[in-house]
N, C-alpha and C. Protein backbone atom coordinates (compact mmCIF):
# COMPACT_ATOMS: atom_id res chain seq x y z
N MET A 1 0.82 -1.20 0.00
CA MET A 1 0.00 0.00 0.00
C MET A 1 0.87 1.27 0.00
N LEU A 2 1.93 1.24 0.78
CA LEU A 2 2.80 2.41 0.85
C LEU A 2 3.50 2.66 -0.48
N SER A 3 3.86 1.58 -1.17
CA SER A 3 4.55 1.75 -2.45
C SER A 3 3.64 2.42 -3.48
N ARG A 4 2.36 2.11 -3.47
CA ARG A 4 1.41 2.78 -4.38
C ARG A 4 1.33 4.27 -4.08
N TYR A 5 1.31 4.60 -2.80
CA TYR A 5 1.26 6.00 -2.40
C TYR A 5 2.51 6.75 -2.86
N ILE A 6 3.66 6.13 -2.67
CA ILE A 6 4.92 6.77 -3.07
C ILE A 6 4.97 6.98 -4.58
N ILE A 7 4.58 5.97 -5.35
CA ILE A 7 4.57 6.09 -6.81
C ILE A 7 3.61 7.18 -7.25
N ALA A 8 2.43 7.23 -6.64
CA ALA A 8 1.44 8.26 -7.00
C ALA A 8 1.96 9.66 -6.69
N VAL A 9 2.59 9.82 -5.54
CA VAL A 9 3.13 11.14 -5.17
C VAL A 9 4.24 11.56 -6.13
N ILE A 10 5.11 10.63 -6.48
CA ILE A 10 6.19 10.95 -7.43
C ILE A 10 5.61 11.36 -8.78
N LEU A 11 4.60 10.66 -9.25
CA LEU A 11 3.97 11.02 -10.53
C LEU A 11 3.34 12.40 -10.48
N VAL A 12 2.69 12.71 -9.39
CA VAL A 12 2.07 14.04 -9.25
C VAL A 12 3.15 15.12 -9.23
N TRP A 13 4.27 14.88 -8.54
CA TRP A 13 5.35 15.86 -8.53
C TRP A 13 5.96 16.04 -9.90
N VAL A 14 6.10 14.95 -10.65
CA VAL A 14 6.63 15.07 -12.02
C VAL A 14 5.70 15.94 -12.86
N ILE A 15 4.41 15.73 -12.74
CA ILE A 15 3.45 16.53 -13.51
C ILE A 15 3.51 18.00 -13.09
N ILE A 16 3.54 18.25 -11.78
CA ILE A 16 3.58 19.63 -11.29
C ILE A 16 4.86 20.33 -11.76
N LEU A 17 6.01 19.66 -11.62
CA LEU A 17 7.27 20.29 -12.01
C LEU A 17 7.35 20.50 -13.52
N THR A 18 6.76 19.60 -14.30
CA THR A 18 6.74 19.78 -15.75
C THR A 18 5.92 20.99 -16.14
N ILE A 19 4.76 21.14 -15.52
CA ILE A 19 3.91 22.30 -15.81
C ILE A 19 4.61 23.60 -15.42
N VAL A 20 5.21 23.61 -14.23
CA VAL A 20 5.90 24.83 -13.77
C VAL A 20 7.10 25.13 -14.66
N LYS A 21 7.80 24.10 -15.12
CA LYS A 21 8.98 24.31 -15.97
C LYS A 21 8.60 25.00 -17.28
N PHE A 22 7.48 24.56 -17.90
CA PHE A 22 7.11 25.11 -19.20
C PHE A 22 6.26 26.37 -19.13
N PHE A 23 5.50 26.55 -18.06
CA PHE A 23 4.58 27.68 -18.00
C PHE A 23 4.89 28.68 -16.89
N GLY A 24 5.88 28.39 -16.06
CA GLY A 24 6.22 29.29 -14.96
C GLY A 24 7.58 29.93 -15.18
N SER A 25 7.97 30.70 -14.21
CA SER A 25 9.28 31.35 -14.29
C SER A 25 10.35 30.42 -13.71
N SER A 26 11.59 30.73 -13.98
CA SER A 26 12.68 29.90 -13.47
C SER A 26 12.77 29.98 -11.94
N THR A 27 12.42 31.11 -11.38
CA THR A 27 12.43 31.26 -9.93
C THR A 27 11.38 30.37 -9.29
N ARG A 28 10.21 30.34 -9.88
CA ARG A 28 9.14 29.49 -9.35
C ARG A 28 9.51 28.02 -9.48
N PHE A 29 10.14 27.64 -10.60
CA PHE A 29 10.56 26.25 -10.78
C PHE A 29 11.59 25.85 -9.74
N ARG A 30 12.53 26.74 -9.46
CA ARG A 30 13.56 26.44 -8.45
C ARG A 30 12.92 26.28 -7.07
N THR A 31 11.98 27.13 -6.73
CA THR A 31 11.29 27.03 -5.45
C THR A 31 10.51 25.73 -5.35
N MET A 32 9.80 25.39 -6.40
CA MET A 32 9.03 24.14 -6.39
C MET A 32 9.95 22.93 -6.34
N SER A 33 11.10 22.99 -6.99
CA SER A 33 12.05 21.87 -6.97
C SER A 33 12.60 21.65 -5.56
N ILE A 34 12.91 22.72 -4.87
CA ILE A 34 13.41 22.62 -3.50
C ILE A 34 12.33 22.05 -2.59
N PHE A 35 11.10 22.52 -2.76
CA PHE A 35 9.99 22.01 -1.96
C PHE A 35 9.78 20.53 -2.24
N CYS A 36 9.84 20.14 -3.50
CA CYS A 36 9.68 18.75 -3.90
C CYS A 36 10.77 17.88 -3.29
N ALA A 37 12.00 18.35 -3.31
CA ALA A 37 13.11 17.59 -2.73
C ALA A 37 12.91 17.38 -1.23
N GLY A 38 12.47 18.39 -0.55
CA GLY A 38 12.18 18.25 0.88
C GLY A 38 11.06 17.28 1.15
N PHE A 39 10.05 17.33 0.31
CA PHE A 39 8.92 16.41 0.45
C PHE A 39 9.39 14.97 0.23
N LEU A 40 10.24 14.76 -0.78
CA LEU A 40 10.73 13.40 -1.07
C LEU A 40 11.66 12.89 0.03
N ILE A 41 12.44 13.77 0.65
CA ILE A 41 13.26 13.36 1.79
C ILE A 41 12.37 12.94 2.95
N GLY A 42 11.29 13.65 3.17
CA GLY A 42 10.33 13.27 4.20
C GLY A 42 9.67 11.93 3.90
N MET A 43 9.36 11.69 2.63
CA MET A 43 8.77 10.40 2.26
C MET A 43 9.77 9.27 2.45
N LEU A 44 11.04 9.51 2.17
CA LEU A 44 12.06 8.50 2.39
C LEU A 44 12.16 8.18 3.89
N ALA A 45 12.12 9.18 4.72
CA ALA A 45 12.16 8.98 6.17
C ALA A 45 10.94 8.16 6.62
N MET A 46 9.77 8.45 6.05
CA MET A 46 8.57 7.70 6.38
C MET A 46 8.71 6.24 5.97
N TRP A 47 9.25 6.00 4.78
CA TRP A 47 9.43 4.64 4.28
C TRP A 47 10.39 3.86 5.17
N ILE A 48 11.48 4.50 5.58
CA ILE A 48 12.44 3.84 6.47
C ILE A 48 11.79 3.53 7.82
N ALA A 49 11.03 4.47 8.36
CA ALA A 49 10.37 4.26 9.64
C ALA A 49 9.37 3.11 9.56
N VAL A 50 8.63 3.01 8.48
CA VAL A 50 7.66 1.93 8.33
C VAL A 50 8.37 0.58 8.33
N HIS A 51 9.53 0.51 7.71
CA HIS A 51 10.22 -0.77 7.62
C HIS A 51 11.05 -1.08 8.87
N VAL A 52 11.48 -0.08 9.61
CA VAL A 52 12.25 -0.30 10.82
C VAL A 52 11.33 -0.64 12.00
N TYR A 53 10.20 0.06 12.09
CA TYR A 53 9.30 -0.11 13.24
C TYR A 53 8.08 -0.94 12.87
N LYS A 54 8.28 -2.09 12.24
CA LYS A 54 7.17 -2.98 11.90
C LYS A 54 6.55 -3.53 13.18
N LYS A 55 5.26 -3.80 13.09
CA LYS A 55 4.57 -4.43 14.23
C LYS A 55 4.52 -5.90 14.02
């Protein structure tokens, strides 16, 4: 279940960043890229926690 969520989130980020890249400014793209990277680091931490603290 978690893997489906991660794949879906990554696909949504790819779509968002593609739209911002072609229709937004370079400053907005850089801001969104940094936000996306932070979000993905948080998702990696969540994935590690799920696998380390199994019940």
